[in-house]
Structures are given as structure tokens and as C-alpha cells.
C-alpha atoms as a PDB file:
ATOM      1  CA  GLY A   1     -19.889 -13.947  50.351  1.00  0.00           C
ATOM      2  CA  SER A   2     -22.325 -11.060  50.753  1.00  0.00           C
ATOM      3  CA  MET A   3     -25.270 -10.921  53.136  1.00  0.00           C
ATOM      4  CA  ALA A   4     -27.264  -9.159  50.420  1.00  0.00           C
ATOM      5  CA  GLN A   5     -27.249 -12.466  48.509  1.00  0.00           C
ATOM      6  CA  VAL A   6     -28.648 -14.489  51.427  1.00  0.00           C
ATOM      7  CA  GLU A   7     -32.408 -14.911  51.135  1.00  0.00           C
ATOM      8  CA  PHE A   8     -33.160 -16.127  54.633  1.00  0.00           C
ATOM      9  CA  GLU A   9     -36.743 -17.196  53.952  1.00  0.00           C
ATOM     10  CA  HIS A  10     -35.397 -20.193  52.006  1.00  0.00           C
ATOM     11  CA  PHE A  11     -33.943 -21.640  55.225  1.00  0.00           C
ATOM     12  CA  ASN A  12     -37.497 -22.433  56.343  1.00  0.00           C
ATOM     13  CA  LEU A  13     -37.397 -25.266  53.799  1.00  0.00           C
ATOM     14  CA  PHE A  14     -35.214 -27.100  56.332  1.00  0.00           C
ATOM     15  CA  LEU A  15     -38.321 -27.408  58.524  1.00  0.00           C
ATOM     16  CA  LYS A  16     -39.473 -30.144  56.127  1.00  0.00           C
ATOM     17  CA  THR A  17     -36.989 -32.535  57.726  1.00  0.00           C
ATOM     18  CA  ARG A  18     -36.256 -33.526  61.313  1.00  0.00           C
ATOM     19  CA  LYS A  19     -32.895 -35.033  60.436  1.00  0.00           C
ATOM     20  CA  LYS A  20     -29.865 -32.975  61.431  1.00  0.00           C
ATOM     21  CA  ASN A  21     -27.579 -35.010  59.147  1.00  0.00           C
ATOM     22  CA  VAL A  22     -29.675 -34.002  56.119  1.00  0.00           C
ATOM     23  CA  ILE A  23     -29.325 -30.302  56.948  1.00  0.00           C
ATOM     24  CA  ASP A  24     -25.618 -30.791  57.672  1.00  0.00           C
ATOM     25  CA  GLY A  25     -25.075 -32.532  54.326  1.00  0.00           C
ATOM     26  CA  ILE A  26     -26.824 -29.796  52.367  1.00  0.00           C
ATOM     27  CA  ILE A  27     -24.869 -27.012  54.076  1.00  0.00           C
ATOM     28  CA  GLY A  28     -21.600 -28.935  53.572  1.00  0.00           C
ATOM     29  CA  ALA A  29     -22.336 -29.436  49.868  1.00  0.00           C
ATOM     30  CA  SER A  30     -23.198 -25.762  49.434  1.00  0.00           C
ATOM     31  CA  PHE A  31     -19.735 -24.695  50.596  1.00  0.00           C
ATOM     32  CA  GLU A  32     -17.992 -27.403  48.589  1.00  0.00           C
ATOM     33  CA  TYR A  33     -19.389 -25.757  45.462  1.00  0.00           C
ATOM     34  CA  ARG A  34     -18.659 -22.226  46.709  1.00  0.00           C
ATOM     35  CA  SER A  35     -17.038 -21.175  43.411  1.00  0.00           C
ATOM     36  CA  ARG A  36     -18.840 -23.486  40.982  1.00  0.00           C
ATOM     37  CA  SER A  37     -22.360 -24.165  39.804  1.00  0.00           C
ATOM     38  CA  PHE A  38     -24.237 -26.826  41.704  1.00  0.00           C
ATOM     39  CA  PRO A  39     -24.349 -30.083  39.721  1.00  0.00           C
ATOM     40  CA  GLU A  40     -27.721 -31.634  38.998  1.00  0.00           C
ATOM     41  CA  GLU A  41     -27.161 -34.518  41.420  1.00  0.00           C
ATOM     42  CA  ILE A  42     -26.739 -32.083  44.346  1.00  0.00           C
ATOM     43  CA  ILE A  43     -29.882 -30.161  43.399  1.00  0.00           C
ATOM     44  CA  ASN A  44     -31.874 -33.352  42.826  1.00  0.00           C
ATOM     45  CA  GLY A  45     -30.581 -34.887  46.055  1.00  0.00           C
ATOM     46  CA  THR A  46     -31.616 -31.812  48.034  1.00  0.00           C
ATOM     47  CA  SER A  47     -35.042 -31.852  46.376  1.00  0.00           C
ATOM     48  CA  SER A  48     -35.538 -35.518  47.261  1.00  0.00           C
ATOM     49  CA  ALA A  49     -34.326 -35.168  50.839  1.00  0.00           C
ATOM     50  CA  LEU A  50     -36.669 -32.259  51.604  1.00  0.00           C
ATOM     51  CA  GLU A  51     -39.437 -33.122  49.131  1.00  0.00           C
ATOM     52  CA  ILE A  52     -39.234 -29.728  47.429  1.00  0.00           C
ATOM     53  CA  THR A  53     -38.934 -28.552  43.821  1.00  0.00           C
ATOM     54  CA  ASN A  54     -35.601 -28.136  42.057  1.00  0.00           C
ATOM     55  CA  ASP A  55     -36.127 -24.363  41.981  1.00  0.00           C
ATOM     56  CA  GLN A  56     -36.592 -24.319  45.754  1.00  0.00           C
ATOM     57  CA  SER A  57     -33.576 -26.585  46.114  1.00  0.00           C
ATOM     58  CA  SER A  58     -31.369 -24.211  44.075  1.00  0.00           C
ATOM     59  CA  GLN A  59     -32.552 -21.196  46.088  1.00  0.00           C
ATOM     60  CA  LEU A  60     -31.845 -22.965  49.377  1.00  0.00           C
ATOM     61  CA  LEU A  61     -28.392 -24.118  48.267  1.00  0.00           C
ATOM     62  CA  ASN A  62     -27.494 -20.606  47.111  1.00  0.00           C
ATOM     63  CA  SER A  63     -28.549 -19.097  50.428  1.00  0.00           C
ATOM     64  CA  CYS A  64     -26.607 -21.784  52.336  1.00  0.00           C
ATOM     65  CA  ARG A  65     -23.531 -21.135  50.213  1.00  0.00           C
ATOM     66  CA  GLU A  66     -23.566 -17.376  50.744  1.00  0.00           C
ATOM     67  CA  LEU A  67     -24.127 -17.682  54.495  1.00  0.00           C
ATOM     68  CA  ALA A  68     -21.375 -20.305  54.766  1.00  0.00           C
ATOM     69  CA  ARG A  69     -18.919 -18.176  52.772  1.00  0.00           C
ATOM     70  CA  TYR A  70     -19.772 -15.053  54.759  1.00  0.00           C
ATOM     71  CA  SER A  71     -19.265 -16.913  58.044  1.00  0.00           C
ATOM     72  CA  ALA A  72     -16.056 -18.660  56.955  1.00  0.00           C
ATOM     73  CA  TYR A  73     -14.312 -15.574  55.607  1.00  0.00           C
ATOM     74  CA  ARG A  74     -15.178 -13.614  58.765  1.00  0.00           C
ATOM     75  CA  LEU A  75     -14.683 -16.421  61.315  1.00  0.00           C
ATOM     76  CA  LEU A  76     -18.078 -15.785  62.888  1.00  0.00           C
ATOM     77  CA  SER A  77     -19.116 -17.454  66.120  1.00  0.00           C
ATOM     78  CA  ALA A  78     -22.379 -19.378  66.460  1.00  0.00           C
ATOM     79  CA  GLU A  79     -23.903 -16.427  68.335  1.00  0.00           C
ATOM     80  CA  GLN A  80     -22.904 -13.996  65.578  1.00  0.00           C
ATOM     81  CA  ILE A  81     -24.398 -16.263  62.910  1.00  0.00           C
ATOM     82  CA  VAL A  82     -27.701 -16.549  64.806  1.00  0.00           C
ATOM     83  CA  GLU A  83     -27.863 -12.745  65.038  1.00  0.00           C
ATOM     84  CA  LEU A  84     -27.827 -12.546  61.232  1.00  0.00           C
ATOM     85  CA  PHE A  85     -31.159 -14.360  60.983  1.00  0.00           C
ATOM     86  CA  PRO A  86     -34.356 -12.304  60.885  1.00  0.00           C
ATOM     87  CA  GLN A  87     -37.105 -12.967  63.433  1.00  0.00           C
ATOM     88  CA  GLU A  88     -39.187 -14.777  60.825  1.00  0.00           C
ATOM     89  CA  ILE A  89     -36.786 -17.727  61.034  1.00  0.00           C
ATOM     90  CA  HIS A  90     -37.390 -19.985  64.031  1.00  0.00           C
ATOM     91  CA  GLN A  91     -34.598 -19.477  66.556  1.00  0.00           C
ATOM     92  CA  SER A  92     -34.042 -23.217  67.076  1.00  0.00           C
ATOM     93  CA  LEU A  93     -33.531 -23.647  63.323  1.00  0.00           C
ATOM     94  CA  ALA A  94     -31.172 -20.666  63.205  1.00  0.00           C
ATOM     95  CA  GLY A  95     -29.257 -22.136  66.133  1.00  0.00           C
ATOM     96  CA  LEU A  96     -28.946 -25.522  64.439  1.00  0.00           C
ATOM     97  CA  ILE A  97     -27.670 -23.950  61.206  1.00  0.00           C
ATOM     98  CA  ALA A  98     -25.172 -21.844  63.178  1.00  0.00           C
ATOM     99  CA  GLN A  99     -24.003 -24.923  65.093  1.00  0.00           C
ATOM    100  CA  ILE A 100     -23.415 -26.851  61.853  1.00  0.00           C
ATOM    101  CA  ILE A 101     -21.516 -23.976  60.250  1.00  0.00           C
ATOM    102  CA  THR A 102     -19.244 -23.341  63.249  1.00  0.00           C
ATOM    103  CA  PHE A 103     -18.489 -27.067  63.532  1.00  0.00           C
ATOM    104  CA  ARG A 104     -17.388 -27.074  59.887  1.00  0.00           C
ATOM    105  CA  LEU A 105     -15.522 -23.751  60.030  1.00  0.00           C
ATOM    106  CA  PRO A 106     -12.030 -25.113  60.867  1.00  0.00           C
ATOM    107  CA  LYS A 107     -12.018 -27.382  57.809  1.00  0.00           C
ATOM    108  CA  TRP A 108     -13.501 -24.672  55.596  1.00  0.00           C
ATOM    109  CA  ARG A 109     -10.796 -22.240  56.696  1.00  0.00           C
ATOM    110  CA  LYS A 110      -8.114 -24.780  55.805  1.00  0.00           C
ATOM    111  CA  ASP A 111      -9.715 -25.232  52.378  1.00  0.00           C
ATOM    112  CA  ILE A 112      -9.774 -21.469  51.825  1.00  0.00           C
ATOM    113  CA  ILE A 113      -6.157 -20.983  52.906  1.00  0.00           C
ATOM    114  CA  GLY A 114      -5.004 -24.028  50.965  1.00  0.00           C
ATOM    115  CA  SER A 115      -6.572 -22.708  47.789  1.00  0.00           C
ATOM    116  CA  TYR A 116      -4.338 -19.618  48.014  1.00  0.00           C
ATOM    117  CA  LEU A 117      -1.117 -21.550  48.654  1.00  0.00           C
ATOM    118  CA  PHE A 118      -0.583 -22.446  45.027  1.00  0.00           C
ATOM    119  CA  LEU A 119       3.075 -22.754  44.021  1.00  0.00           C
ATOM    120  CA  PRO A 120       3.976 -23.376  40.363  1.00  0.00           C
ATOM    121  CA  LYS A 121       3.626 -27.062  39.495  1.00  0.00           C
ATOM    122  CA  LEU A 122       5.646 -28.994  36.924  1.00  0.00           C
ATOM    123  CA  GLU A 123       3.407 -30.543  34.266  1.00  0.00           C
ATOM    124  CA  SER A 124       5.902 -32.009  31.794  1.00  0.00           C
ATOM    125  CA  VAL A 125       9.559 -32.099  30.716  1.00  0.00           C
ATOM    126  CA  ASN A 126      10.786 -32.442  27.129  1.00  0.00           C
ATOM    127  CA  TRP A 127      14.374 -32.371  25.942  1.00  0.00           C
ATOM    128  CA  ARG A 128      16.629 -32.979  22.979  1.00  0.00           C
ATOM    129  CA  VAL A 129      20.362 -33.053  22.368  1.00  0.00           C
ATOM    130  CA  ASP A 130      21.652 -30.456  19.940  1.00  0.00           C
ATOM    131  CA  MET A 131      25.079 -29.835  18.426  1.00  0.00           C
ATOM    132  CA  LYS A 132      26.474 -26.344  18.822  1.00  0.00           C
ATOM    133  CA  SER A 133      29.656 -24.779  17.432  1.00  0.00           C
ATOM    134  CA  GLY A 134      32.381 -23.884  19.917  1.00  0.00           C
ATOM    135  CA  SER A 135      32.295 -20.304  21.165  1.00  0.00           C
ATOM    136  CA  ASN A 136      36.030 -19.596  20.977  1.00  0.00           C
ATOM    137  CA  TYR A 137      38.351 -19.310  17.995  1.00  0.00           C
ATOM    138  CA  ILE A 138      40.629 -22.134  19.157  1.00  0.00           C
ATOM    139  CA  SER A 139      37.952 -24.789  19.108  1.00  0.00           C
ATOM    140  CA  GLN A 140      35.369 -24.633  16.381  1.00  0.00           C
ATOM    141  CA  MET A 141      34.369 -28.241  16.986  1.00  0.00           C
ATOM    142  CA  ALA A 142      30.693 -28.904  17.529  1.00  0.00           C
ATOM    143  CA  VAL A 143      29.841 -29.584  21.171  1.00  0.00           C
ATOM    144  CA  PRO A 144      26.667 -31.305  22.412  1.00  0.00           C
ATOM    145  CA  THR A 145      24.146 -29.277  24.406  1.00  0.00           C
ATOM    146  CA  VAL A 146      20.772 -30.139  25.837  1.00  0.00           C
ATOM    147  CA  LEU A 147      17.667 -28.088  25.106  1.00  0.00           C
ATOM    148  CA  VAL A 148      15.146 -28.539  27.920  1.00  0.00           C
ATOM    149  CA  GLN A 149      11.511 -27.515  27.780  1.00  0.00           C
ATOM    150  CA  LEU A 150       9.570 -27.296  31.040  1.00  0.00           C
ATOM    151  CA  LYS A 151       5.822 -26.864  31.115  1.00  0.00           C
ATOM    152  CA  ILE A 152       4.585 -25.451  34.410  1.00  0.00           C
ATOM    153  CA  LYS A 153       1.210 -24.377  35.782  1.00  0.00           C
ATOM    154  CA  GLU A 154       1.143 -21.157  37.781  1.00  0.00           C
ATOM    155  CA  LEU A 155      -1.199 -18.423  38.920  1.00  0.00           C
ATOM    156  CA  PRO A 156      -1.529 -15.239  36.848  1.00  0.00           C
ATOM    157  CA  ASP A 157      -0.362 -11.911  38.297  1.00  0.00           C
ATOM    158  CA  LYS A 158      -3.949 -10.961  39.044  1.00  0.00           C
ATOM    159  CA  ILE A 159      -6.317 -13.473  40.585  1.00  0.00           C
ATOM    160  CA  GLU A 160     -10.021 -13.276  41.301  1.00  0.00           C
ATOM    161  CA  VAL A 161     -10.361 -13.124  45.073  1.00  0.00           C
ATOM    162  CA  GLY A 162     -13.059 -15.366  46.519  1.00  0.00           C
ATOM    163  CA  ALA A 163     -13.163 -17.726  43.555  1.00  0.00           C
ATOM    164  CA  ASN A 164     -11.407 -21.063  43.425  1.00  0.00           C
ATOM    165  CA  VAL A 165      -7.785 -19.977  43.078  1.00  0.00           C
ATOM    166  CA  ALA A 166      -6.380 -23.209  41.666  1.00  0.00           C
ATOM    167  CA  SER A 167      -8.850 -23.081  38.760  1.00  0.00           C
ATOM    168  CA  GLN A 168      -7.290 -19.779  37.655  1.00  0.00           C
ATOM    169  CA  ALA A 169      -3.844 -21.308  37.102  1.00  0.00           C
ATOM    170  CA  LYS A 170      -2.435 -21.172  33.578  1.00  0.00           C
ATOM    171  CA  SER A 171       0.227 -23.242  31.821  1.00  0.00           C
ATOM    172  CA  ARG A 172       3.530 -21.655  30.774  1.00  0.00           C
ATOM    173  CA  THR A 173       6.486 -23.062  28.852  1.00  0.00           C
ATOM    174  CA  ILE A 174      10.125 -22.384  29.788  1.00  0.00           C
ATOM    175  CA  LEU A 175      12.927 -23.252  27.363  1.00  0.00           C
ATOM    176  CA  PHE A 176      16.591 -23.293  28.386  1.00  0.00           C
ATOM    177  CA  GLU A 177      19.923 -24.719  27.282  1.00  0.00           C
ATOM    178  CA  MET A 178      22.544 -26.650  29.274  1.00  0.00           C
ATOM    179  CA  ASP A 179      26.017 -27.908  28.498  1.00  0.00           C
ATOM    180  CA  SER A 180      27.283 -31.199  29.894  1.00  0.00           C
ATOM    181  CA  ALA A 181      28.927 -29.550  32.923  1.00  0.00           C
ATOM    182  CA  THR A 182      25.727 -27.732  33.905  1.00  0.00           C
ATOM    183  CA  LEU A 183      23.734 -30.921  33.375  1.00  0.00           C
ATOM    184  CA  GLN A 184      26.084 -32.848  35.677  1.00  0.00           C
ATOM    185  CA  THR A 185      25.727 -30.172  38.378  1.00  0.00           C
ATOM    186  CA  MET A 186      21.937 -30.394  38.120  1.00  0.00           C
ATOM    187  CA  LEU A 187      22.006 -34.189  38.272  1.00  0.00           C
ATOM    188  CA  ASP A 188      24.186 -34.056  41.388  1.00  0.00           C
ATOM    189  CA  GLY A 189      21.680 -31.697  43.014  1.00  0.00           C
ATOM    190  CA  LEU A 190      18.705 -33.862  42.050  1.00  0.00           C
ATOM    191  CA  GLY A 191      20.506 -36.899  43.413  1.00  0.00           C
ATOM    192  CA  LYS A 192      20.922 -35.196  46.785  1.00  0.00           C
ATOM    193  CA  ILE A 193      17.215 -34.274  46.783  1.00  0.00           C
ATOM    194  CA  ARG A 194      16.292 -37.890  46.006  1.00  0.00           C
ATOM    195  CA  ASP A 195      18.524 -39.192  48.811  1.00  0.00           C
ATOM    196  CA  GLN A 196      17.048 -36.707  51.296  1.00  0.00           C
ATOM    197  CA  LEU A 197      13.475 -37.649  50.367  1.00  0.00           C
ATOM    198  CA  GLN A 198      14.338 -41.324  50.745  1.00  0.00           C
ATOM    199  CA  LEU A 199      15.843 -40.658  54.159  1.00  0.00           C
ATOM    200  CA  VAL A 200      12.723 -38.814  55.320  1.00  0.00           C
ATOM    201  CA  ALA A 201      10.479 -41.574  53.913  1.00  0.00           C
ATOM    202  CA  ASN A 202      12.449 -44.253  55.787  1.00  0.00           C
ATOM    203  CA  ARG A 203      12.049 -42.388  59.067  1.00  0.00           C
ATOM    204  CA  SER A 204       8.274 -42.079  58.758  1.00  0.00           C
END
């Protein structure tokens, strides 16, 4: 988030309500859509709650989003957030907004960190049995092998910082071959993983 994108005068639209939960809900929604466009229901809901136009609603949501992002990425305190507001904004309103943001900061930070912890995820497995000629001169008999195709979703080498990281993941296909001995080794390993997971599940 950049402070240059925060148009503070739009925060005065919050003066149209006396309900803290309304202001809290709007600020919470603004951060939820920090890397996406606001859906119509959020804009319409904000307009209805404050009795303002959809254009005013969009401007307010954008300012809330940028202030929330700026505060979350820099771990600002309530006092530091209040200091960002110009004098034209009533100090009690600035204090309320700062209080709401700092209360939500721990969860927002977890969301931010969680979005970067994106390990490759398995999407699908396909396989088929194939017959392959023996590799040595003694045995030219055809031996069965398994061709396995894994489809995984992973992040590209370069990601757009600040945007939703998970949305940048791309699918990739991996194809490999196994003989019966390798397959048995893998099955043994998977069996141990299954047993360990079951043990942990039984303890919890």
C-alpha cells in the first residue's frame, strides 16, 4: 500500500453513521479484497449502510484498503496511524479507524504471511502400465513399467509482491517412469506416512 493512494477526505463519509460495527465491517471488507476488485455487493452494501452513492462507496473502500495495507505491512501502532491523518479529519474519527485497524492487524498479518507460504500442491495423478524391453542382452523379455503423470500447482520463479500470491500459482505436469521394485519402495514409504498420520489423528 502507498500513502499517495489514500484520499483521506473520503473517511469523512464514516461520519454518516454512529455505528462502530458498520465502520469495522467496511474496513474489514476493504482489506479482504486487498488484491482484487470490490464486488458489487460490497459496494452496494457500503452505499446502503452509509446512505451514499456507489461512487463515494468505491472511493471510501479504496482509501480504507490502502490505509489498511500500509498499516499492516508496516505494523503501525494506533498512534502512528492517527498521525497519518490530516487535521481536516476529526481526531475522534481518526482514533476510531486506528483502533479498528490495530485490532485487526494480528489476523491481517497472518493472512499476509500465509499467502506467501505456498508449497507446491498436488492436483491430480494419472498412470498407465507399459511394457518395456529388457535393458540387458541376456533378457530381452518385455518387463512391465508404470508411467506416472503428476499435475502440481506451484508459484512461478518471479511473483508480484503485494498481490495475492496464491492466485499467481500455475499448473505444471511431471512425467516419470517406475519399475515394480521402485513402485514397491514408494508404496512402503506411503504406507508409513499413512500410519503416522493415523497415529497423530488418534492422539488428537
